Amino acid sequence: MKTTQTQEKKFYILFGLFIMSLILANILGGKIADFGLFEASVGIIAVPIMFLITDIIEEVFGKERAKLVVYSGLLTLIITLLIIVIAVKLPAASRQLADPTEYANIFGTSVRIFIASIIAFFLAQMHDVWAFNFWKEKTKGKYLWLRNNLSTIVSQFIDTMVFMGVAFLWANPAMTPHFVFIKLAIPYYLLKILFAILDTPLIYLGVWWLRKE
C-alpha cells in the first residue's frame, strides 16, 4: 500500500516500542511477581504489547511489513542475548562497584533459556502475522477486535508452551510435563490472555492513530 511520510514516521515509533517490549520481556524475566491468583515473571507484562503492535502494523501496512518487524525483532533478540551472555562471562575488573555474582544473577541466562526465548518468539510472532492475515481475509477486513484476539490467543499459547517446554522440561527431576505445562505454563498463558483482551481498545486507537494524517 502507498503510505505517507507521516505514517512512515509513526511506523518507526511503533517499531521502536516493539523492540523495547521485546528486550524488556527478556531482561525483566528474572523477577517473579505475585499477581494475586498466581505468580508469574514480570516480563510477561511486555509480551502482549508486541502482539498488539504487530497487529496494528499489519492492519494498516499489510503482512509483509509486519513480517519485517518480526525478522528485525529476531535479529535484535539474538544480538542482545549474545551481548548479555558475553558481558556476564567477561572477568570483572578490580574497580567494579557491583558484585560480579549479583550482576550475573540479574543478567545471566542459560543457553537453554536463551534458545527457548528465540524459538518461542519467532514461532509465536510468525503465527500471529499469518493468523491475523487469515482472519482478515475471512472477515473481509471487518471485526478488528475478533481478528486481533483470535490471532493473539493462539499465538500466546504457542509462545508460552514452546518457551516453557524448551526452557524447563526435564531441566531437573521436578520439571515433569505436568509441572511445566500445567503448573507453570497455564497460569502464564491465562495472564497473557487477560492482558490481550484488556488491550483490545488499544488496537482501535493504534490503527486510528496510524491512519490519521
C-alpha atoms as a PDB file:
ATOM      1  CA  MET A   1       0.000   0.000   0.000  1.00  0.00           C
ATOM      2  CA  LYS A   2       1.058   3.599  -0.565  1.00  0.00           C
ATOM      3  CA  THR A   3       1.930   5.356   2.681  1.00  0.00           C
ATOM      4  CA  THR A   4       2.562   8.960   3.589  1.00  0.00           C
ATOM      5  CA  GLN A   5       5.653  10.378   5.238  1.00  0.00           C
ATOM      6  CA  THR A   6       3.669  10.902   8.426  1.00  0.00           C
ATOM      7  CA  GLN A   7       2.590   7.263   8.514  1.00  0.00           C
ATOM      8  CA  GLU A   8       6.184   6.131   7.971  1.00  0.00           C
ATOM      9  CA  LYS A   9       7.324   8.198  10.937  1.00  0.00           C
ATOM     10  CA  LYS A  10       4.576   6.683  13.070  1.00  0.00           C
ATOM     11  CA  PHE A  11       5.605   3.214  11.910  1.00  0.00           C
ATOM     12  CA  TYR A  12       9.111   3.736  13.261  1.00  0.00           C
ATOM     13  CA  ILE A  13       7.680   4.868  16.597  1.00  0.00           C
ATOM     14  CA  LEU A  14       5.725   1.610  16.823  1.00  0.00           C
ATOM     15  CA  PHE A  15       8.761  -0.344  15.663  1.00  0.00           C
ATOM     16  CA  GLY A  16      10.823   1.201  18.462  1.00  0.00           C
ATOM     17  CA  LEU A  17       8.152   0.304  21.017  1.00  0.00           C
ATOM     18  CA  PHE A  18       8.115  -3.252  19.684  1.00  0.00           C
ATOM     19  CA  ILE A  19      11.886  -3.634  20.136  1.00  0.00           C
ATOM     20  CA  MET A  20      11.646  -2.054  23.600  1.00  0.00           C
ATOM     21  CA  SER A  21       8.959  -4.541  24.646  1.00  0.00           C
ATOM     22  CA  LEU A  22      10.950  -7.464  23.256  1.00  0.00           C
ATOM     23  CA  ILE A  23      14.059  -6.542  25.227  1.00  0.00           C
ATOM     24  CA  LEU A  24      12.126  -5.806  28.421  1.00  0.00           C
ATOM     25  CA  ALA A  25      10.289  -9.137  28.218  1.00  0.00           C
ATOM     26  CA  ASN A  26      13.642 -10.907  28.293  1.00  0.00           C
ATOM     27  CA  ILE A  27      15.758  -8.864  30.706  1.00  0.00           C
ATOM     28  CA  LEU A  28      12.991  -8.411  33.312  1.00  0.00           C
ATOM     29  CA  GLY A  29      12.098 -12.094  33.375  1.00  0.00           C
ATOM     30  CA  GLY A  30      14.163 -12.835  36.475  1.00  0.00           C
ATOM     31  CA  LYS A  31      11.669 -11.282  38.894  1.00  0.00           C
ATOM     32  CA  ILE A  32       8.636 -13.346  39.880  1.00  0.00           C
ATOM     33  CA  ALA A  33       5.705 -11.189  40.992  1.00  0.00           C
ATOM     34  CA  ASP A  34       2.538 -12.027  42.900  1.00  0.00           C
ATOM     35  CA  PHE A  35      -0.444 -11.239  40.654  1.00  0.00           C
ATOM     36  CA  GLY A  36      -2.973 -12.347  43.250  1.00  0.00           C
ATOM     37  CA  LEU A  37      -4.304 -15.644  41.958  1.00  0.00           C
ATOM     38  CA  PHE A  38      -0.868 -16.845  40.849  1.00  0.00           C
ATOM     39  CA  GLU A  39       2.756 -15.837  40.492  1.00  0.00           C
ATOM     40  CA  ALA A  40       4.480 -15.042  37.202  1.00  0.00           C
ATOM     41  CA  SER A  41       7.524 -13.300  35.756  1.00  0.00           C
ATOM     42  CA  VAL A  42       7.153  -9.526  35.434  1.00  0.00           C
ATOM     43  CA  GLY A  43       8.475  -9.869  31.880  1.00  0.00           C
ATOM     44  CA  ILE A  44       5.023 -11.132  30.948  1.00  0.00           C
ATOM     45  CA  ILE A  45       3.706  -7.547  31.080  1.00  0.00           C
ATOM     46  CA  ALA A  46       5.675  -6.599  27.960  1.00  0.00           C
ATOM     47  CA  VAL A  47       4.702  -9.620  25.850  1.00  0.00           C
ATOM     48  CA  PRO A  48       1.122  -8.547  24.871  1.00  0.00           C
ATOM     49  CA  ILE A  49       2.492  -5.187  23.701  1.00  0.00           C
ATOM     50  CA  MET A  50       4.496  -6.936  20.969  1.00  0.00           C
ATOM     51  CA  PHE A  51       1.454  -8.776  19.609  1.00  0.00           C
ATOM     52  CA  LEU A  52      -0.629  -5.603  19.781  1.00  0.00           C
ATOM     53  CA  ILE A  53       1.943  -3.647  17.771  1.00  0.00           C
ATOM     54  CA  THR A  54       2.372  -6.272  15.041  1.00  0.00           C
ATOM     55  CA  ASP A  55      -1.422  -6.440  14.644  1.00  0.00           C
ATOM     56  CA  ILE A  56      -1.681  -2.653  14.363  1.00  0.00           C
ATOM     57  CA  ILE A  57       1.109  -2.550  11.786  1.00  0.00           C
ATOM     58  CA  GLU A  58      -0.368  -5.425   9.785  1.00  0.00           C
ATOM     59  CA  GLU A  59      -3.836  -3.863   9.758  1.00  0.00           C
ATOM     60  CA  VAL A  60      -2.502  -0.637   8.241  1.00  0.00           C
ATOM     61  CA  PHE A  61       0.641  -1.621   6.313  1.00  0.00           C
ATOM     62  CA  GLY A  62       0.000  -5.280   5.496  1.00  0.00           C
ATOM     63  CA  LYS A  63       1.508  -8.674   6.227  1.00  0.00           C
ATOM     64  CA  GLU A  64       4.946  -8.099   4.691  1.00  0.00           C
ATOM     65  CA  ARG A  65       5.655  -5.038   6.828  1.00  0.00           C
ATOM     66  CA  ALA A  66       4.619  -6.937   9.955  1.00  0.00           C
ATOM     67  CA  LYS A  67       6.924  -9.821   8.999  1.00  0.00           C
ATOM     68  CA  LEU A  68       9.780  -7.324   8.581  1.00  0.00           C
ATOM     69  CA  VAL A  69       9.205  -6.186  12.162  1.00  0.00           C
ATOM     70  CA  VAL A  70       9.319  -9.783  13.383  1.00  0.00           C
ATOM     71  CA  TYR A  71      12.541 -10.557  11.486  1.00  0.00           C
ATOM     72  CA  SER A  72      14.119  -7.384  12.865  1.00  0.00           C
ATOM     73  CA  GLY A  73      12.997  -8.369  16.360  1.00  0.00           C
ATOM     74  CA  LEU A  74      14.520 -11.819  15.937  1.00  0.00           C
ATOM     75  CA  LEU A  75      17.876 -10.332  14.955  1.00  0.00           C
ATOM     76  CA  THR A  76      17.689  -7.850  17.828  1.00  0.00           C
ATOM     77  CA  LEU A  77      16.883 -10.615  20.308  1.00  0.00           C
ATOM     78  CA  ILE A  78      19.779 -12.795  19.161  1.00  0.00           C
ATOM     79  CA  ILE A  79      22.312  -9.970  19.300  1.00  0.00           C
ATOM     80  CA  THR A  80      21.017  -8.644  22.643  1.00  0.00           C
ATOM     81  CA  LEU A  81      21.138 -12.007  24.370  1.00  0.00           C
ATOM     82  CA  LEU A  82      24.581 -12.784  22.908  1.00  0.00           C
ATOM     83  CA  ILE A  83      25.961  -9.488  24.221  1.00  0.00           C
ATOM     84  CA  ILE A  84      24.409 -10.134  27.643  1.00  0.00           C
ATOM     85  CA  VAL A  85      25.994 -13.595  27.794  1.00  0.00           C
ATOM     86  CA  ILE A  86      29.397 -12.169  26.799  1.00  0.00           C
ATOM     87  CA  ALA A  87      29.075  -9.335  29.338  1.00  0.00           C
ATOM     88  CA  VAL A  88      28.313 -11.799  32.138  1.00  0.00           C
ATOM     89  CA  LYS A  89      31.165 -14.140  31.177  1.00  0.00           C
ATOM     90  CA  LEU A  90      33.852 -11.453  30.919  1.00  0.00           C
ATOM     91  CA  PRO A  91      36.032 -11.256  34.067  1.00  0.00           C
ATOM     92  CA  ALA A  92      35.267  -8.296  36.331  1.00  0.00           C
ATOM     93  CA  ALA A  93      37.905  -5.596  36.892  1.00  0.00           C
ATOM     94  CA  SER A  94      39.087  -4.831  40.410  1.00  0.00           C
ATOM     95  CA  ARG A  95      37.460  -1.383  40.358  1.00  0.00           C
ATOM     96  CA  GLN A  96      33.979  -2.722  39.566  1.00  0.00           C
ATOM     97  CA  LEU A  97      31.478  -1.491  42.138  1.00  0.00           C
ATOM     98  CA  ALA A  98      28.735  -4.037  41.508  1.00  0.00           C
ATOM     99  CA  ASP A  99      29.245  -7.508  42.915  1.00  0.00           C
ATOM    100  CA  PRO A 100      30.018  -9.856  39.973  1.00  0.00           C
ATOM    101  CA  THR A 101      27.819 -12.597  41.428  1.00  0.00           C
ATOM    102  CA  GLU A 102      24.840 -10.261  41.788  1.00  0.00           C
ATOM    103  CA  TYR A 103      25.442  -8.921  38.275  1.00  0.00           C
ATOM    104  CA  ALA A 104      25.435 -12.466  36.910  1.00  0.00           C
ATOM    105  CA  ASN A 105      22.279 -13.325  38.859  1.00  0.00           C
ATOM    106  CA  ILE A 106      20.443 -10.346  37.356  1.00  0.00           C
ATOM    107  CA  PHE A 107      21.595 -10.577  33.749  1.00  0.00           C
ATOM    108  CA  GLY A 108      22.758 -14.155  33.446  1.00  0.00           C
ATOM    109  CA  THR A 109      20.786 -16.648  31.410  1.00  0.00           C
ATOM    110  CA  SER A 110      21.398 -20.243  30.488  1.00  0.00           C
ATOM    111  CA  VAL A 111      21.955 -21.313  26.899  1.00  0.00           C
ATOM    112  CA  ARG A 112      18.762 -23.360  27.120  1.00  0.00           C
ATOM    113  CA  ILE A 113      16.630 -20.361  28.137  1.00  0.00           C
ATOM    114  CA  PHE A 114      18.439 -18.284  25.522  1.00  0.00           C
ATOM    115  CA  ILE A 115      17.390 -20.742  22.795  1.00  0.00           C
ATOM    116  CA  ALA A 116      13.865 -21.077  24.215  1.00  0.00           C
ATOM    117  CA  SER A 117      13.327 -17.307  24.053  1.00  0.00           C
ATOM    118  CA  ILE A 118      14.399 -17.119  20.421  1.00  0.00           C
ATOM    119  CA  ILE A 119      12.351 -20.091  19.222  1.00  0.00           C
ATOM    120  CA  ALA A 120       9.182 -19.133  21.132  1.00  0.00           C
ATOM    121  CA  PHE A 121       9.333 -15.521  19.987  1.00  0.00           C
ATOM    122  CA  PHE A 122       9.808 -16.342  16.321  1.00  0.00           C
ATOM    123  CA  LEU A 123       7.207 -19.113  16.080  1.00  0.00           C
ATOM    124  CA  ALA A 124       4.554 -17.170  18.006  1.00  0.00           C
ATOM    125  CA  GLN A 125       5.066 -13.911  16.143  1.00  0.00           C
ATOM    126  CA  MET A 126       5.103 -15.516  12.710  1.00  0.00           C
ATOM    127  CA  HIS A 127       1.911 -17.376  13.559  1.00  0.00           C
ATOM    128  CA  ASP A 128       0.329 -14.135  14.756  1.00  0.00           C
ATOM    129  CA  VAL A 129       1.151 -12.418  11.460  1.00  0.00           C
ATOM    130  CA  TRP A 130      -0.225 -15.354   9.455  1.00  0.00           C
ATOM    131  CA  ALA A 131      -3.365 -15.768  11.601  1.00  0.00           C
ATOM    132  CA  PHE A 132      -4.213 -12.066  11.598  1.00  0.00           C
ATOM    133  CA  ASN A 133      -3.995 -12.031   7.790  1.00  0.00           C
ATOM    134  CA  PHE A 134      -6.026 -15.256   7.572  1.00  0.00           C
ATOM    135  CA  TRP A 135      -8.872 -13.861   9.663  1.00  0.00           C
ATOM    136  CA  LYS A 136      -8.709 -10.522   7.865  1.00  0.00           C
ATOM    137  CA  GLU A 137      -9.387 -12.300   4.573  1.00  0.00           C
ATOM    138  CA  LYS A 138     -12.139 -14.447   6.116  1.00  0.00           C
ATOM    139  CA  THR A 139     -13.924 -11.438   7.628  1.00  0.00           C
ATOM    140  CA  LYS A 140     -13.275  -9.217   4.586  1.00  0.00           C
ATOM    141  CA  GLY A 141     -11.461  -6.694   6.737  1.00  0.00           C
ATOM    142  CA  LYS A 142     -14.223  -6.432   9.365  1.00  0.00           C
ATOM    143  CA  TYR A 143     -14.322  -7.251  13.091  1.00  0.00           C
ATOM    144  CA  LEU A 144     -10.870  -5.986  14.017  1.00  0.00           C
ATOM    145  CA  TRP A 145     -11.436  -6.894  17.681  1.00  0.00           C
ATOM    146  CA  LEU A 146     -12.171 -10.502  16.725  1.00  0.00           C
ATOM    147  CA  ARG A 147      -9.193 -10.837  14.393  1.00  0.00           C
ATOM    148  CA  ASN A 148      -6.875  -9.326  16.962  1.00  0.00           C
ATOM    149  CA  ASN A 149      -7.986 -11.650  19.756  1.00  0.00           C
ATOM    150  CA  LEU A 150      -8.226 -14.842  17.683  1.00  0.00           C
ATOM    151  CA  SER A 151      -4.706 -14.443  16.316  1.00  0.00           C
ATOM    152  CA  THR A 152      -3.229 -13.373  19.650  1.00  0.00           C
ATOM    153  CA  ILE A 153      -4.874 -16.064  21.797  1.00  0.00           C
ATOM    154  CA  VAL A 154      -3.409 -18.892  19.723  1.00  0.00           C
ATOM    155  CA  SER A 155      -0.064 -17.144  19.274  1.00  0.00           C
ATOM    156  CA  GLN A 156       0.274 -16.578  23.015  1.00  0.00           C
ATOM    157  CA  PHE A 157      -0.411 -20.271  23.552  1.00  0.00           C
ATOM    158  CA  ILE A 158       2.406 -21.162  21.152  1.00  0.00           C
ATOM    159  CA  ASP A 159       4.736 -18.649  22.808  1.00  0.00           C
ATOM    160  CA  THR A 160       4.024 -19.950  26.309  1.00  0.00           C
ATOM    161  CA  MET A 161       4.140 -23.672  25.612  1.00  0.00           C
ATOM    162  CA  VAL A 162       7.208 -23.576  23.381  1.00  0.00           C
ATOM    163  CA  PHE A 163       9.171 -21.417  25.799  1.00  0.00           C
ATOM    164  CA  MET A 164       8.225 -23.450  28.871  1.00  0.00           C
ATOM    165  CA  GLY A 165       8.891 -26.747  27.126  1.00  0.00           C
ATOM    166  CA  VAL A 166      12.261 -25.831  25.643  1.00  0.00           C
ATOM    167  CA  ALA A 167      13.454 -23.876  28.684  1.00  0.00           C
ATOM    168  CA  PHE A 168      12.360 -26.064  31.597  1.00  0.00           C
ATOM    169  CA  LEU A 169      11.091 -29.520  30.634  1.00  0.00           C
ATOM    170  CA  TRP A 170      13.254 -32.135  32.406  1.00  0.00           C
ATOM    171  CA  ALA A 171      15.727 -29.414  33.471  1.00  0.00           C
ATOM    172  CA  ASN A 172      15.642 -31.254  36.807  1.00  0.00           C
ATOM    173  CA  PRO A 173      13.564 -34.186  38.143  1.00  0.00           C
ATOM    174  CA  ALA A 174      10.830 -31.818  39.360  1.00  0.00           C
ATOM    175  CA  MET A 175      10.297 -30.349  35.886  1.00  0.00           C
ATOM    176  CA  THR A 176       7.897 -33.018  34.654  1.00  0.00           C
ATOM    177  CA  PRO A 177       5.463 -32.400  31.763  1.00  0.00           C
ATOM    178  CA  HIS A 178       2.607 -31.951  34.256  1.00  0.00           C
ATOM    179  CA  PHE A 179       4.514 -29.379  36.302  1.00  0.00           C
ATOM    180  CA  VAL A 180       5.899 -27.436  33.319  1.00  0.00           C
ATOM    181  CA  PHE A 181       2.797 -27.353  31.099  1.00  0.00           C
ATOM    182  CA  ILE A 182       0.069 -27.286  33.761  1.00  0.00           C
ATOM    183  CA  LYS A 183       1.505 -25.685  36.887  1.00  0.00           C
ATOM    184  CA  LEU A 184       3.859 -23.230  35.161  1.00  0.00           C
ATOM    185  CA  ALA A 185       2.560 -22.627  31.652  1.00  0.00           C
ATOM    186  CA  ILE A 186      -1.213 -22.397  32.183  1.00  0.00           C
ATOM    187  CA  PRO A 187      -1.109 -19.516  34.715  1.00  0.00           C
ATOM    188  CA  TYR A 188       1.296 -17.604  32.449  1.00  0.00           C
ATOM    189  CA  TYR A 189      -0.940 -18.207  29.453  1.00  0.00           C
ATOM    190  CA  LEU A 190      -4.125 -17.125  31.221  1.00  0.00           C
ATOM    191  CA  LEU A 191      -2.469 -13.928  32.397  1.00  0.00           C
ATOM    192  CA  LYS A 192      -1.286 -13.162  28.855  1.00  0.00           C
ATOM    193  CA  ILE A 193      -4.806 -13.722  27.533  1.00  0.00           C
ATOM    194  CA  LEU A 194      -6.227 -11.378  30.150  1.00  0.00           C
ATOM    195  CA  PHE A 195      -3.795  -8.665  29.087  1.00  0.00           C
ATOM    196  CA  ALA A 196      -4.587  -9.326  25.415  1.00  0.00           C
ATOM    197  CA  ILE A 197      -8.339  -8.936  25.972  1.00  0.00           C
ATOM    198  CA  LEU A 198      -7.889  -5.781  28.026  1.00  0.00           C
ATOM    199  CA  ASP A 199      -5.789  -4.134  25.331  1.00  0.00           C
ATOM    200  CA  THR A 200      -8.460  -4.628  22.637  1.00  0.00           C
ATOM    201  CA  PRO A 201      -9.475  -0.923  22.687  1.00  0.00           C
ATOM    202  CA  LEU A 202      -5.821  -0.044  22.126  1.00  0.00           C
ATOM    203  CA  ILE A 203      -5.712  -1.722  18.725  1.00  0.00           C
ATOM    204  CA  TYR A 204      -8.549   0.522  17.540  1.00  0.00           C
ATOM    205  CA  LEU A 205      -6.734   3.532  18.956  1.00  0.00           C
ATOM    206  CA  GLY A 206      -3.459   2.449  17.367  1.00  0.00           C
ATOM    207  CA  VAL A 207      -4.977   1.832  13.927  1.00  0.00           C
ATOM    208  CA  TRP A 208      -6.815   5.166  14.066  1.00  0.00           C
ATOM    209  CA  TRP A 209      -3.614   6.976  15.070  1.00  0.00           C
ATOM    210  CA  LEU A 210      -1.515   5.276  12.395  1.00  0.00           C
ATOM    211  CA  ARG A 211      -4.007   6.053   9.630  1.00  0.00           C
ATOM    212  CA  LYS A 212      -4.635   9.620  10.777  1.00  0.00           C
ATOM    213  CA  GLU A 213      -2.860  12.347   8.849  1.00  0.00           C
END
